[in-house]
C-alpha atoms as a PDB file:
ATOM      1  CA  UNK A   1      -1.339 -77.720  94.205  1.00  0.00           C
ATOM      2  CA  UNK A   2      -1.848 -73.962  93.691  1.00  0.00           C
ATOM      3  CA  UNK A   3       1.642 -72.845  92.694  1.00  0.00           C
ATOM      4  CA  UNK A   4       3.873 -70.214  94.223  1.00  0.00           C
ATOM      5  CA  UNK A   5       2.941 -66.990  96.018  1.00  0.00           C
ATOM      6  CA  UNK A   6       2.994 -64.880  92.845  1.00  0.00           C
ATOM      7  CA  UNK A   7       0.515 -67.283  91.202  1.00  0.00           C
ATOM      8  CA  UNK A   8      -2.160 -66.099  93.638  1.00  0.00           C
ATOM      9  CA  UNK A   9      -2.446 -63.073  91.325  1.00  0.00           C
ATOM     10  CA  UNK A  10      -3.847 -63.705  87.830  1.00  0.00           C
ATOM     11  CA  UNK A  11      -2.550 -60.990  85.505  1.00  0.00           C
ATOM     12  CA  UNK A  12      -5.158 -61.908  82.863  1.00  0.00           C
ATOM     13  CA  UNK A  13      -8.028 -60.655  85.057  1.00  0.00           C
ATOM     14  CA  UNK A  14      -9.301 -57.088  84.959  1.00  0.00           C
ATOM     15  CA  UNK A  15      -9.193 -54.849  88.014  1.00  0.00           C
ATOM     16  CA  UNK A  16     -11.928 -55.772  90.539  1.00  0.00           C
ATOM     17  CA  UNK A  17     -12.573 -59.087  88.759  1.00  0.00           C
ATOM     18  CA  UNK A  18     -13.558 -62.240  90.609  1.00  0.00           C
ATOM     19  CA  UNK A  19     -11.005 -65.056  90.473  1.00  0.00           C
ATOM     20  CA  UNK A  20     -12.876 -68.365  90.383  1.00  0.00           C
ATOM     21  CA  UNK A  21      -9.556 -70.181  90.841  1.00  0.00           C
ATOM     22  CA  UNK A  22      -8.917 -68.417  94.179  1.00  0.00           C
ATOM     23  CA  UNK A  23     -12.503 -67.577  95.191  1.00  0.00           C
ATOM     24  CA  UNK A  24     -11.322 -63.988  95.768  1.00  0.00           C
ATOM     25  CA  UNK A  25     -11.766 -60.583  94.152  1.00  0.00           C
ATOM     26  CA  UNK A  26      -8.578 -59.221  92.630  1.00  0.00           C
ATOM     27  CA  UNK A  27      -7.405 -55.619  92.442  1.00  0.00           C
ATOM     28  CA  UNK A  28      -4.471 -54.265  90.449  1.00  0.00           C
ATOM     29  CA  UNK A  29      -1.829 -52.046  92.011  1.00  0.00           C
ATOM     30  CA  UNK A  30      -3.415 -48.930  90.560  1.00  0.00           C
ATOM     31  CA  UNK A  31      -7.031 -49.838  91.347  1.00  0.00           C
ATOM     32  CA  UNK A  32     -10.192 -47.804  91.815  1.00  0.00           C
ATOM     33  CA  UNK A  33     -10.666 -49.859  94.986  1.00  0.00           C
ATOM     34  CA  UNK A  34      -8.607 -48.831  98.012  1.00  0.00           C
ATOM     35  CA  UNK A  35      -6.836 -51.669  99.857  1.00  0.00           C
ATOM     36  CA  UNK A  36      -8.632 -52.866 103.004  1.00  0.00           C
ATOM     37  CA  UNK A  37      -7.590 -54.485 106.258  1.00  0.00           C
ATOM     38  CA  UNK A  38      -7.503 -58.236 105.732  1.00  0.00           C
ATOM     39  CA  UNK A  39      -6.681 -58.096 102.010  1.00  0.00           C
ATOM     40  CA  UNK A  40      -3.838 -60.297 100.788  1.00  0.00           C
ATOM     41  CA  UNK A  41      -1.031 -58.351  99.150  1.00  0.00           C
ATOM     42  CA  UNK A  42       0.768 -60.204  96.336  1.00  0.00           C
ATOM     43  CA  UNK A  43       4.359 -59.480  95.315  1.00  0.00           C
ATOM     44  CA  UNK A  44       5.953 -60.510  92.037  1.00  0.00           C
ATOM     45  CA  UNK A  45       9.132 -62.575  92.080  1.00  0.00           C
ATOM     46  CA  UNK A  46      12.648 -61.188  91.695  1.00  0.00           C
ATOM     47  CA  UNK A  47      16.138 -62.543  91.130  1.00  0.00           C
ATOM     48  CA  UNK A  48      16.590 -63.488  94.805  1.00  0.00           C
ATOM     49  CA  UNK A  49      13.074 -64.947  95.128  1.00  0.00           C
ATOM     50  CA  UNK A  50      11.423 -65.995  91.843  1.00  0.00           C
ATOM     51  CA  UNK A  51       8.355 -67.349  93.697  1.00  0.00           C
ATOM     52  CA  UNK A  52       6.873 -64.047  94.870  1.00  0.00           C
ATOM     53  CA  UNK A  53       5.509 -63.265  98.307  1.00  0.00           C
ATOM     54  CA  UNK A  54       2.132 -62.836 100.024  1.00  0.00           C
ATOM     55  CA  UNK A  55       1.421 -60.600 103.024  1.00  0.00           C
ATOM     56  CA  UNK A  56      -1.693 -59.508 104.929  1.00  0.00           C
ATOM     57  CA  UNK A  57      -2.786 -55.872 105.052  1.00  0.00           C
ATOM     58  CA  UNK A  58      -3.155 -55.097 108.754  1.00  0.00           C
ATOM     59  CA  UNK A  59      -3.835 -51.348 108.696  1.00  0.00           C
ATOM     60  CA  UNK A  60      -4.874 -48.735 106.114  1.00  0.00           C
ATOM     61  CA  UNK A  61      -4.807 -44.928 106.177  1.00  0.00           C
ATOM     62  CA  UNK A  62      -5.148 -42.377 103.380  1.00  0.00           C
ATOM     63  CA  UNK A  63      -1.395 -42.341 102.720  1.00  0.00           C
ATOM     64  CA  UNK A  64      -0.044 -45.770 103.705  1.00  0.00           C
ATOM     65  CA  UNK A  65      -0.794 -49.369 104.513  1.00  0.00           C
ATOM     66  CA  UNK A  66       0.792 -51.642 107.075  1.00  0.00           C
ATOM     67  CA  UNK A  67       1.435 -55.280 106.255  1.00  0.00           C
ATOM     68  CA  UNK A  68       2.291 -58.271 108.380  1.00  0.00           C
ATOM     69  CA  UNK A  69       4.279 -61.037 106.793  1.00  0.00           C
ATOM     70  CA  UNK A  70       6.061 -64.262 107.503  1.00  0.00           C
ATOM     71  CA  UNK A  71       9.480 -65.187 106.073  1.00  0.00           C
ATOM     72  CA  UNK A  72      10.315 -61.674 104.811  1.00  0.00           C
ATOM     73  CA  UNK A  73      14.007 -62.479 104.417  1.00  0.00           C
ATOM     74  CA  UNK A  74      17.061 -61.862 106.572  1.00  0.00           C
ATOM     75  CA  UNK A  75      17.055 -58.062 106.305  1.00  0.00           C
ATOM     76  CA  UNK A  76      13.305 -57.295 106.372  1.00  0.00           C
ATOM     77  CA  UNK A  77      10.826 -56.860 109.192  1.00  0.00           C
ATOM     78  CA  UNK A  78       7.683 -58.915 109.718  1.00  0.00           C
ATOM     79  CA  UNK A  79       5.687 -55.660 109.899  1.00  0.00           C
ATOM     80  CA  UNK A  80       6.261 -52.777 107.451  1.00  0.00           C
ATOM     81  CA  UNK A  81       4.494 -49.699 106.074  1.00  0.00           C
ATOM     82  CA  UNK A  82       4.114 -48.995 102.359  1.00  0.00           C
ATOM     83  CA  UNK A  83       3.156 -45.595 100.941  1.00  0.00           C
ATOM     84  CA  UNK A  84      -0.323 -45.384  99.374  1.00  0.00           C
ATOM     85  CA  UNK A  85      -1.306 -42.718  96.856  1.00  0.00           C
ATOM     86  CA  UNK A  86      -4.546 -41.738  95.145  1.00  0.00           C
ATOM     87  CA  UNK A  87      -3.883 -40.433  91.622  1.00  0.00           C
ATOM     88  CA  UNK A  88      -6.586 -39.897  89.006  1.00  0.00           C
ATOM     89  CA  UNK A  89      -9.044 -42.014  91.005  1.00  0.00           C
ATOM     90  CA  UNK A  90      -6.698 -44.994  91.369  1.00  0.00           C
ATOM     91  CA  UNK A  91      -4.993 -46.278  94.525  1.00  0.00           C
ATOM     92  CA  UNK A  92      -1.344 -47.205  94.052  1.00  0.00           C
ATOM     93  CA  UNK A  93       1.116 -48.735  96.487  1.00  0.00           C
ATOM     94  CA  UNK A  94       4.638 -47.382  96.167  1.00  0.00           C
ATOM     95  CA  UNK A  95       6.518 -50.625  95.580  1.00  0.00           C
ATOM     96  CA  UNK A  96       7.572 -51.830  92.132  1.00  0.00           C
ATOM     97  CA  UNK A  97       7.014 -55.539  92.830  1.00  0.00           C
ATOM     98  CA  UNK A  98       3.457 -55.341  94.203  1.00  0.00           C
ATOM     99  CA  UNK A  99       1.100 -56.906  91.673  1.00  0.00           C
ATOM    100  CA  UNK A 100      -2.092 -56.155  93.591  1.00  0.00           C
ATOM    101  CA  UNK A 101      -4.340 -57.338  96.405  1.00  0.00           C
ATOM    102  CA  UNK A 102      -6.980 -60.006  96.856  1.00  0.00           C
ATOM    103  CA  UNK A 103     -10.182 -59.776  98.890  1.00  0.00           C
ATOM    104  CA  UNK A 104     -12.828 -62.142 100.171  1.00  0.00           C
ATOM    105  CA  UNK A 105     -16.227 -60.441  99.851  1.00  0.00           C
END
């Protein structure tokens, strides 16, 4: 009833906005808010998977995050690290399909 994984992220909302549809705060990839343990990471779709993907942030440092995920595909691991950078006051994850992250506050 809620759509596919990529529909967890509402691209019409501003960074740090509250999503009433999901009852979660939403942060863009390139946010003033650093990802936190327990946040949901939302991936956009691609040609091999048009539905997107959702993972859980399991660890955060100043230069990377770790995610845990289910059904990552035949050549991916269930636990991976993604580079995290702070540029001009905004936190960005180094992956071109990451839309952003969602947080229960």
